[in-house]
Amino acid sequence: MNKLKKFLFGLFLFLVGTLQESMAQCAMCRATIENNVSNGDTTVGAGLNLGILYLFVAPYILLSVLAYIWYKNAKRKKKLSF
């Protein structure tokens, strides 16, 4: 369990450390999409929408996995205490 805590803490630090860099890309993405649409290419917008959905779903998946691990550990501890 100790390795899992270290991994999750490292993942958390990585995500917090890269937050500013990912927030800085919004204006660049918008400019790219506007440029491509003005040139007649609309396929980039679909990829951007898929990326937005990925960013929307990722925290929910992470929280679901953590809740499942917590549930399993709580169930195991309860079984051992009886």
PDB file of N, CA and C in Angstrom:
ATOM      1  N   MET A   1       0.824  -1.194   0.000  1.00  0.00           N
ATOM      2  CA  MET A   1       0.000   0.000   0.000  1.00  0.00           C
ATOM      3  C   MET A   1       0.868   1.258   0.000  1.00  0.00           C
ATOM      4  N   ASN A   2       2.047   1.147   0.588  1.00  0.00           N
ATOM      5  CA  ASN A   2       2.939   2.287   0.657  1.00  0.00           C
ATOM      6  C   ASN A   2       3.379   2.734  -0.741  1.00  0.00           C
ATOM      7  N   LYS A   3       3.612   1.777  -1.645  1.00  0.00           N
ATOM      8  CA  LYS A   3       4.003   2.110  -3.014  1.00  0.00           C
ATOM      9  C   LYS A   3       2.871   2.835  -3.730  1.00  0.00           C
ATOM     10  N   LEU A   4       1.647   2.419  -3.467  1.00  0.00           N
ATOM     11  CA  LEU A   4       0.494   3.071  -4.086  1.00  0.00           C
ATOM     12  C   LEU A   4       0.371   4.520  -3.630  1.00  0.00           C
ATOM     13  N   LYS A   5       0.595   4.762  -2.348  1.00  0.00           N
ATOM     14  CA  LYS A   5       0.534   6.134  -1.834  1.00  0.00           C
ATOM     15  C   LYS A   5       1.624   6.997  -2.459  1.00  0.00           C
ATOM     16  N   LYS A   6       2.823   6.444  -2.588  1.00  0.00           N
ATOM     17  CA  LYS A   6       3.913   7.195  -3.212  1.00  0.00           C
ATOM     18  C   LYS A   6       3.598   7.499  -4.675  1.00  0.00           C
ATOM     19  N   PHE A   7       3.044   6.514  -5.374  1.00  0.00           N
ATOM     20  CA  PHE A   7       2.688   6.718  -6.772  1.00  0.00           C
ATOM     21  C   PHE A   7       1.617   7.794  -6.918  1.00  0.00           C
ATOM     22  N   LEU A   8       0.578   7.728  -6.104  1.00  0.00           N
ATOM     23  CA  LEU A   8      -0.504   8.712  -6.183  1.00  0.00           C
ATOM     24  C   LEU A   8      -0.006  10.105  -5.818  1.00  0.00           C
ATOM     25  N   PHE A   9       0.877  10.189  -4.825  1.00  0.00           N
ATOM     26  CA  PHE A   9       1.434  11.480  -4.450  1.00  0.00           C
ATOM     27  C   PHE A   9       2.293  12.044  -5.583  1.00  0.00           C
ATOM     28  N   GLY A  10       3.090  11.200  -6.205  1.00  0.00           N
ATOM     29  CA  GLY A  10       3.903  11.634  -7.341  1.00  0.00           C
ATOM     30  C   GLY A  10       3.041  12.068  -8.515  1.00  0.00           C
ATOM     31  N   LEU A  11       1.967  11.336  -8.777  1.00  0.00           N
ATOM     32  CA  LEU A  11       1.039  11.706  -9.841  1.00  0.00           C
ATOM     33  C   LEU A  11       0.377  13.046  -9.542  1.00  0.00           C
ATOM     34  N   PHE A  12       0.005  13.257  -8.290  1.00  0.00           N
ATOM     35  CA  PHE A  12      -0.602  14.516  -7.887  1.00  0.00           C
ATOM     36  C   PHE A  12       0.369  15.680  -8.099  1.00  0.00           C
ATOM     37  N   LEU A  13       1.624  15.499  -7.685  1.00  0.00           N
ATOM     38  CA  LEU A  13       2.621  16.549  -7.872  1.00  0.00           C
ATOM     39  C   LEU A  13       2.857  16.838  -9.354  1.00  0.00           C
ATOM     40  N   PHE A  14       2.879  15.792 -10.172  1.00  0.00           N
ATOM     41  CA  PHE A  14       3.060  15.981 -11.602  1.00  0.00           C
ATOM     42  C   PHE A  14       1.898  16.783 -12.192  1.00  0.00           C
ATOM     43  N   LEU A  15       0.682  16.429 -11.820  1.00  0.00           N
ATOM     44  CA  LEU A  15      -0.488  17.131 -12.357  1.00  0.00           C
ATOM     45  C   LEU A  15      -0.526  18.583 -11.900  1.00  0.00           C
ATOM     46  N   VAL A  16      -0.178  18.837 -10.652  1.00  0.00           N
ATOM     47  CA  VAL A  16      -0.161  20.211 -10.152  1.00  0.00           C
ATOM     48  C   VAL A  16       0.954  21.003 -10.834  1.00  0.00           C
ATOM     49  N   GLY A  17       2.080  20.368 -11.064  1.00  0.00           N
ATOM     50  CA  GLY A  17       3.206  21.049 -11.697  1.00  0.00           C
ATOM     51  C   GLY A  17       2.956  21.409 -13.146  1.00  0.00           C
ATOM     52  N   THR A  18       2.140  20.628 -13.835  1.00  0.00           N
ATOM     53  CA  THR A  18       1.874  20.891 -15.245  1.00  0.00           C
ATOM     54  C   THR A  18       0.580  21.666 -15.465  1.00  0.00           C
ATOM     55  N   LEU A  19      -0.087  22.067 -14.418  1.00  0.00           N
ATOM     56  CA  LEU A  19      -1.370  22.756 -14.560  1.00  0.00           C
ATOM     57  C   LEU A  19      -1.223  24.075 -15.301  1.00  0.00           C
ATOM     58  N   GLN A  20      -0.244  24.881 -14.948  1.00  0.00           N
ATOM     59  CA  GLN A  20      -0.067  26.175 -15.595  1.00  0.00           C
ATOM     60  C   GLN A  20       0.250  26.010 -17.080  1.00  0.00           C
ATOM     61  N   GLU A  21       1.063  25.026 -17.420  1.00  0.00           N
ATOM     62  CA  GLU A  21       1.400  24.808 -18.814  1.00  0.00           C
ATOM     63  C   GLU A  21       0.177  24.421 -19.629  1.00  0.00           C
ATOM     64  N   SER A  22      -0.692  23.591 -19.077  1.00  0.00           N
ATOM     65  CA  SER A  22      -1.885  23.184 -19.815  1.00  0.00           C
ATOM     66  C   SER A  22      -2.890  24.323 -19.913  1.00  0.00           C
ATOM     67  N   MET A  23      -2.958  25.186 -18.910  1.00  0.00           N
ATOM     68  CA  MET A  23      -3.875  26.320 -18.968  1.00  0.00           C
ATOM     69  C   MET A  23      -3.395  27.339 -19.997  1.00  0.00           C
ATOM     70  N   ALA A  24      -2.093  27.398 -20.254  1.00  0.00           N
ATOM     71  CA  ALA A  24      -1.550  28.378 -21.182  1.00  0.00           C
ATOM     72  C   ALA A  24      -1.835  28.022 -22.635  1.00  0.00           C
ATOM     73  N   GLN A  25      -2.264  26.813 -22.905  1.00  0.00           N
ATOM     74  CA  GLN A  25      -2.477  26.380 -24.277  1.00  0.00           C
ATOM     75  C   GLN A  25      -3.810  26.826 -24.859  1.00  0.00           C
ATOM     76  N   CYS A  26      -4.718  27.309 -24.063  1.00  0.00           N
ATOM     77  CA  CYS A  26      -6.061  27.622 -24.546  1.00  0.00           C
ATOM     78  C   CYS A  26      -6.056  28.646 -25.677  1.00  0.00           C
ATOM     79  N   ALA A  27      -5.328  29.717 -25.542  1.00  0.00           N
ATOM     80  CA  ALA A  27      -5.291  30.744 -26.580  1.00  0.00           C
ATOM     81  C   ALA A  27      -4.638  30.206 -27.853  1.00  0.00           C
ATOM     82  N   MET A  28      -3.647  29.371 -27.692  1.00  0.00           N
ATOM     83  CA  MET A  28      -2.979  28.792 -28.854  1.00  0.00           C
ATOM     84  C   MET A  28      -3.908  27.847 -29.598  1.00  0.00           C
ATOM     85  N   CYS A  29      -4.662  27.044 -28.871  1.00  0.00           N
ATOM     86  CA  CYS A  29      -5.607  26.129 -29.519  1.00  0.00           C
ATOM     87  C   CYS A  29      -6.678  26.914 -30.265  1.00  0.00           C
ATOM     88  N   ARG A  30      -7.182  27.943 -29.644  1.00  0.00           N
ATOM     89  CA  ARG A  30      -8.223  28.751 -30.273  1.00  0.00           C
ATOM     90  C   ARG A  30      -7.710  29.383 -31.562  1.00  0.00           C
ATOM     91  N   ALA A  31      -6.500  29.917 -31.533  1.00  0.00           N
ATOM     92  CA  ALA A  31      -5.922  30.534 -32.724  1.00  0.00           C
ATOM     93  C   ALA A  31      -5.715  29.504 -33.835  1.00  0.00           C
ATOM     94  N   THR A  32      -5.293  28.313 -33.474  1.00  0.00           N
ATOM     95  CA  THR A  32      -5.091  27.258 -34.464  1.00  0.00           C
ATOM     96  C   THR A  32      -6.411  26.849 -35.103  1.00  0.00           C
ATOM     97  N   ILE A  33      -7.431  26.683 -34.280  1.00  0.00           N
ATOM     98  CA  ILE A  33      -8.742  26.298 -34.800  1.00  0.00           C
ATOM     99  C   ILE A  33      -9.288  27.378 -35.720  1.00  0.00           C
ATOM    100  N   GLU A  34      -9.200  28.630 -35.309  1.00  0.00           N
ATOM    101  CA  GLU A  34      -9.694  29.726 -36.146  1.00  0.00           C
ATOM    102  C   GLU A  34      -8.946  29.786 -37.473  1.00  0.00           C
ATOM    103  N   ASN A  35      -7.652  29.562 -37.436  1.00  0.00           N
ATOM    104  CA  ASN A  35      -6.851  29.589 -38.655  1.00  0.00           C
ATOM    105  C   ASN A  35      -7.240  28.443 -39.581  1.00  0.00           C
ATOM    106  N   ASN A  36      -7.411  27.243 -39.017  1.00  0.00           N
ATOM    107  CA  ASN A  36      -7.763  26.091 -39.842  1.00  0.00           C
ATOM    108  C   ASN A  36      -9.164  26.215 -40.422  1.00  0.00           C
ATOM    109  N   VAL A  37     -10.113  26.727 -39.641  1.00  0.00           N
ATOM    110  CA  VAL A  37     -11.478  26.889 -40.136  1.00  0.00           C
ATOM    111  C   VAL A  37     -11.516  27.928 -41.253  1.00  0.00           C
ATOM    112  N   SER A  38     -10.742  28.981 -41.115  1.00  0.00           N
ATOM    113  CA  SER A  38     -10.722  30.000 -42.168  1.00  0.00           C
ATOM    114  C   SER A  38     -10.101  29.468 -43.463  1.00  0.00           C
ATOM    115  N   ASN A  39      -9.252  28.439 -43.336  1.00  0.00           N
ATOM    116  CA  ASN A  39      -8.665  27.804 -44.519  1.00  0.00           C
ATOM    117  C   ASN A  39      -9.518  26.653 -45.049  1.00  0.00           C
ATOM    118  N   GLY A  40     -10.648  26.359 -44.390  1.00  0.00           N
ATOM    119  CA  GLY A  40     -11.554  25.316 -44.856  1.00  0.00           C
ATOM    120  C   GLY A  40     -11.363  23.958 -44.219  1.00  0.00           C
ATOM    121  N   ASP A  41     -10.439  23.820 -43.289  1.00  0.00           N
ATOM    122  CA  ASP A  41     -10.206  22.527 -42.624  1.00  0.00           C
ATOM    123  C   ASP A  41     -10.963  22.501 -41.303  1.00  0.00           C
ATOM    124  N   THR A  42     -11.983  21.650 -41.215  1.00  0.00           N
ATOM    125  CA  THR A  42     -12.792  21.579 -39.992  1.00  0.00           C
ATOM    126  C   THR A  42     -12.511  20.322 -39.184  1.00  0.00           C
ATOM    127  N   THR A  43     -11.550  19.489 -39.593  1.00  0.00           N
ATOM    128  CA  THR A  43     -11.284  18.232 -38.878  1.00  0.00           C
ATOM    129  C   THR A  43     -10.555  18.461 -37.555  1.00  0.00           C
ATOM    130  N   VAL A  44      -9.838  19.565 -37.436  1.00  0.00           N
ATOM    131  CA  VAL A  44      -9.089  19.828 -36.203  1.00  0.00           C
ATOM    132  C   VAL A  44     -10.047  20.070 -35.048  1.00  0.00           C
ATOM    133  N   GLY A  45     -11.195  20.663 -35.322  1.00  0.00           N
ATOM    134  CA  GLY A  45     -12.182  20.922 -34.276  1.00  0.00           C
ATOM    135  C   GLY A  45     -12.691  19.646 -33.636  1.00  0.00           C
ATOM    136  N   ALA A  46     -12.840  18.583 -34.418  1.00  0.00           N
ATOM    137  CA  ALA A  46     -13.296  17.300 -33.869  1.00  0.00           C
ATOM    138  C   ALA A  46     -12.259  16.737 -32.902  1.00  0.00           C
ATOM    139  N   GLY A  47     -10.988  16.864 -33.258  1.00  0.00           N
ATOM    140  CA  GLY A  47      -9.925  16.399 -32.358  1.00  0.00           C
ATOM    141  C   GLY A  47      -9.878  17.207 -31.078  1.00  0.00           C
ATOM    142  N   LEU A  48     -10.128  18.488 -31.187  1.00  0.00           N
ATOM    143  CA  LEU A  48     -10.158  19.346 -30.005  1.00  0.00           C
ATOM    144  C   LEU A  48     -11.329  18.963 -29.095  1.00  0.00           C
ATOM    145  N   ASN A  49     -12.473  18.679 -29.687  1.00  0.00           N
ATOM    146  CA  ASN A  49     -13.621  18.256 -28.887  1.00  0.00           C
ATOM    147  C   ASN A  49     -13.352  16.943 -28.171  1.00  0.00           C
ATOM    148  N   LEU A  50     -12.669  16.019 -28.826  1.00  0.00           N
ATOM    149  CA  LEU A  50     -12.308  14.758 -28.186  1.00  0.00           C
ATOM    150  C   LEU A  50     -11.356  15.003 -27.024  1.00  0.00           C
ATOM    151  N   GLY A  51     -10.418  15.928 -27.187  1.00  0.00           N
ATOM    152  CA  GLY A  51      -9.503  16.276 -26.104  1.00  0.00           C
ATOM    153  C   GLY A  51     -10.223  16.888 -24.915  1.00  0.00           C
ATOM    154  N   ILE A  52     -11.209  17.714 -25.192  1.00  0.00           N
ATOM    155  CA  ILE A  52     -12.005  18.318 -24.116  1.00  0.00           C
ATOM    156  C   ILE A  52     -12.759  17.238 -23.353  1.00  0.00           C
ATOM    157  N   LEU A  53     -13.339  16.281 -24.065  1.00  0.00           N
ATOM    158  CA  LEU A  53     -14.046  15.186 -23.396  1.00  0.00           C
ATOM    159  C   LEU A  53     -13.089  14.345 -22.555  1.00  0.00           C
ATOM    160  N   TYR A  54     -11.887  14.115 -23.062  1.00  0.00           N
ATOM    161  CA  TYR A  54     -10.886  13.366 -22.302  1.00  0.00           C
ATOM    162  C   TYR A  54     -10.549  14.093 -21.004  1.00  0.00           C
ATOM    163  N   LEU A  55     -10.323  15.390 -21.082  1.00  0.00           N
ATOM    164  CA  LEU A  55     -10.006  16.168 -19.889  1.00  0.00           C
ATOM    165  C   LEU A  55     -11.180  16.226 -18.925  1.00  0.00           C
ATOM    166  N   PHE A  56     -12.389  16.154 -19.441  1.00  0.00           N
ATOM    167  CA  PHE A  56     -13.585  16.185 -18.598  1.00  0.00           C
ATOM    168  C   PHE A  56     -13.759  14.868 -17.839  1.00  0.00           C
ATOM    169  N   VAL A  57     -13.478  13.749 -18.493  1.00  0.00           N
ATOM    170  CA  VAL A  57     -13.741  12.435 -17.909  1.00  0.00           C
ATOM    171  C   VAL A  57     -12.608  11.956 -17.001  1.00  0.00           C
ATOM    172  N   ALA A  58     -11.382  12.365 -17.256  1.00  0.00           N
ATOM    173  CA  ALA A  58     -10.219  11.849 -16.529  1.00  0.00           C
ATOM    174  C   ALA A  58     -10.330  11.999 -15.006  1.00  0.00           C
ATOM    175  N   PRO A  59     -10.742  13.151 -14.452  1.00  0.00           N
ATOM    176  CA  PRO A  59     -10.840  13.238 -12.991  1.00  0.00           C
ATOM    177  C   PRO A  59     -11.885  12.291 -12.396  1.00  0.00           C
ATOM    178  N   TYR A  60     -12.970  12.064 -13.124  1.00  0.00           N
ATOM    179  CA  TYR A  60     -13.996  11.156 -12.627  1.00  0.00           C
ATOM    180  C   TYR A  60     -13.502   9.715 -12.607  1.00  0.00           C
ATOM    181  N   ILE A  61     -12.731   9.336 -13.595  1.00  0.00           N
ATOM    182  CA  ILE A  61     -12.153   7.992 -13.605  1.00  0.00           C
ATOM    183  C   ILE A  61     -11.169   7.841 -12.454  1.00  0.00           C
ATOM    184  N   LEU A  62     -10.335   8.842 -12.235  1.00  0.00           N
ATOM    185  CA  LEU A  62      -9.368   8.795 -11.142  1.00  0.00           C
ATOM    186  C   LEU A  62     -10.068   8.690  -9.793  1.00  0.00           C
ATOM    187  N   LEU A  63     -11.095   9.492  -9.583  1.00  0.00           N
ATOM    188  CA  LEU A  63     -11.832   9.430  -8.326  1.00  0.00           C
ATOM    189  C   LEU A  63     -12.547   8.091  -8.159  1.00  0.00           C
ATOM    190  N   SER A  64     -13.048   7.530  -9.236  1.00  0.00           N
ATOM    191  CA  SER A  64     -13.712   6.229  -9.161  1.00  0.00           C
ATOM    192  C   SER A  64     -12.726   5.137  -8.760  1.00  0.00           C
ATOM    193  N   VAL A  65     -11.534   5.169  -9.315  1.00  0.00           N
ATOM    194  CA  VAL A  65     -10.521   4.168  -8.962  1.00  0.00           C
ATOM    195  C   VAL A  65     -10.114   4.318  -7.501  1.00  0.00           C
ATOM    196  N   LEU A  66      -9.919   5.546  -7.051  1.00  0.00           N
ATOM    197  CA  LEU A  66      -9.561   5.772  -5.648  1.00  0.00           C
ATOM    198  C   LEU A  66     -10.679   5.329  -4.705  1.00  0.00           C
ATOM    199  N   ALA A  67     -11.921   5.598  -5.067  1.00  0.00           N
ATOM    200  CA  ALA A  67     -13.051   5.170  -4.234  1.00  0.00           C
ATOM    201  C   ALA A  67     -13.135   3.651  -4.181  1.00  0.00           C
ATOM    202  N   TYR A  68     -12.884   2.991  -5.295  1.00  0.00           N
ATOM    203  CA  TYR A  68     -12.905   1.530  -5.320  1.00  0.00           C
ATOM    204  C   TYR A  68     -11.812   0.952  -4.427  1.00  0.00           C
ATOM    205  N   ILE A  69     -10.603   1.508  -4.502  1.00  0.00           N
ATOM    206  CA  ILE A  69      -9.496   1.038  -3.656  1.00  0.00           C
ATOM    207  C   ILE A  69      -9.823   1.272  -2.190  1.00  0.00           C
ATOM    208  N   TRP A  70     -10.382   2.431  -1.879  1.00  0.00           N
ATOM    209  CA  TRP A  70     -10.749   2.722  -0.499  1.00  0.00           C
ATOM    210  C   TRP A  70     -11.823   1.752  -0.001  1.00  0.00           C
ATOM    211  N   TYR A  71     -12.813   1.464  -0.847  1.00  0.00           N
ATOM    212  CA  TYR A  71     -13.888   0.536  -0.480  1.00  0.00           C
ATOM    213  C   TYR A  71     -13.332  -0.855  -0.211  1.00  0.00           C
ATOM    214  N   LYS A  72     -12.459  -1.332  -1.085  1.00  0.00           N
ATOM    215  CA  LYS A  72     -11.893  -2.665  -0.900  1.00  0.00           C
ATOM    216  C   LYS A  72     -11.060  -2.745   0.383  1.00  0.00           C
ATOM    217  N   ASN A  73     -10.272  -1.705   0.674  1.00  0.00           N
ATOM    218  CA  ASN A  73      -9.471  -1.705   1.899  1.00  0.00           C
ATOM    219  C   ASN A  73     -10.353  -1.641   3.135  1.00  0.00           C
ATOM    220  N   ALA A  74     -11.407  -0.856   3.095  1.00  0.00           N
ATOM    221  CA  ALA A  74     -12.315  -0.764   4.241  1.00  0.00           C
ATOM    222  C   ALA A  74     -13.025  -2.094   4.463  1.00  0.00           C
ATOM    223  N   LYS A  75     -13.412  -2.738   3.391  1.00  0.00           N
ATOM    224  CA  LYS A  75     -14.082  -4.040   3.499  1.00  0.00           C
ATOM    225  C   LYS A  75     -13.142  -5.089   4.071  1.00  0.00           C
ATOM    226  N   ARG A  76     -11.866  -5.064   3.647  1.00  0.00           N
ATOM    227  CA  ARG A  76     -10.892  -6.015   4.147  1.00  0.00           C
ATOM    228  C   ARG A  76     -10.602  -5.778   5.629  1.00  0.00           C
ATOM    229  N   LYS A  77     -10.472  -4.518   6.032  1.00  0.00           N
ATOM    230  CA  LYS A  77     -10.213  -4.210   7.452  1.00  0.00           C
ATOM    231  C   LYS A  77     -11.384  -4.621   8.327  1.00  0.00           C
ATOM    232  N   LYS A  78     -12.601  -4.417   7.809  1.00  0.00           N
ATOM    233  CA  LYS A  78     -13.778  -4.809   8.579  1.00  0.00           C
ATOM    234  C   LYS A  78     -13.832  -6.317   8.735  1.00  0.00           C
ATOM    235  N   LYS A  79     -13.464  -7.056   7.702  1.00  0.00           N
ATOM    236  CA  LYS A  79     -13.461  -8.510   7.752  1.00  0.00           C
ATOM    237  C   LYS A  79     -12.411  -9.028   8.728  1.00  0.00           C
ATOM    238  N   LEU A  80     -11.258  -8.366   8.805  1.00  0.00           N
ATOM    239  CA  LEU A  80     -10.197  -8.777   9.712  1.00  0.00           C
ATOM    240  C   LEU A  80     -10.511  -8.454  11.163  1.00  0.00           C
ATOM    241  N   SER A  81     -11.314  -7.437  11.410  1.00  0.00           N
ATOM    242  CA  SER A  81     -11.603  -7.029  12.794  1.00  0.00           C
ATOM    243  C   SER A  81     -12.624  -7.958  13.451  1.00  0.00           C
ATOM    244  N   PHE A  82     -13.400  -8.688  12.663  1.00  0.00           N
ATOM    245  CA  PHE A  82     -14.401  -9.596  13.258  1.00  0.00           C
ATOM    246  C   PHE A  82     -13.847 -10.934  13.516  1.00  0.00           C
TER     247      PHE A  82
END
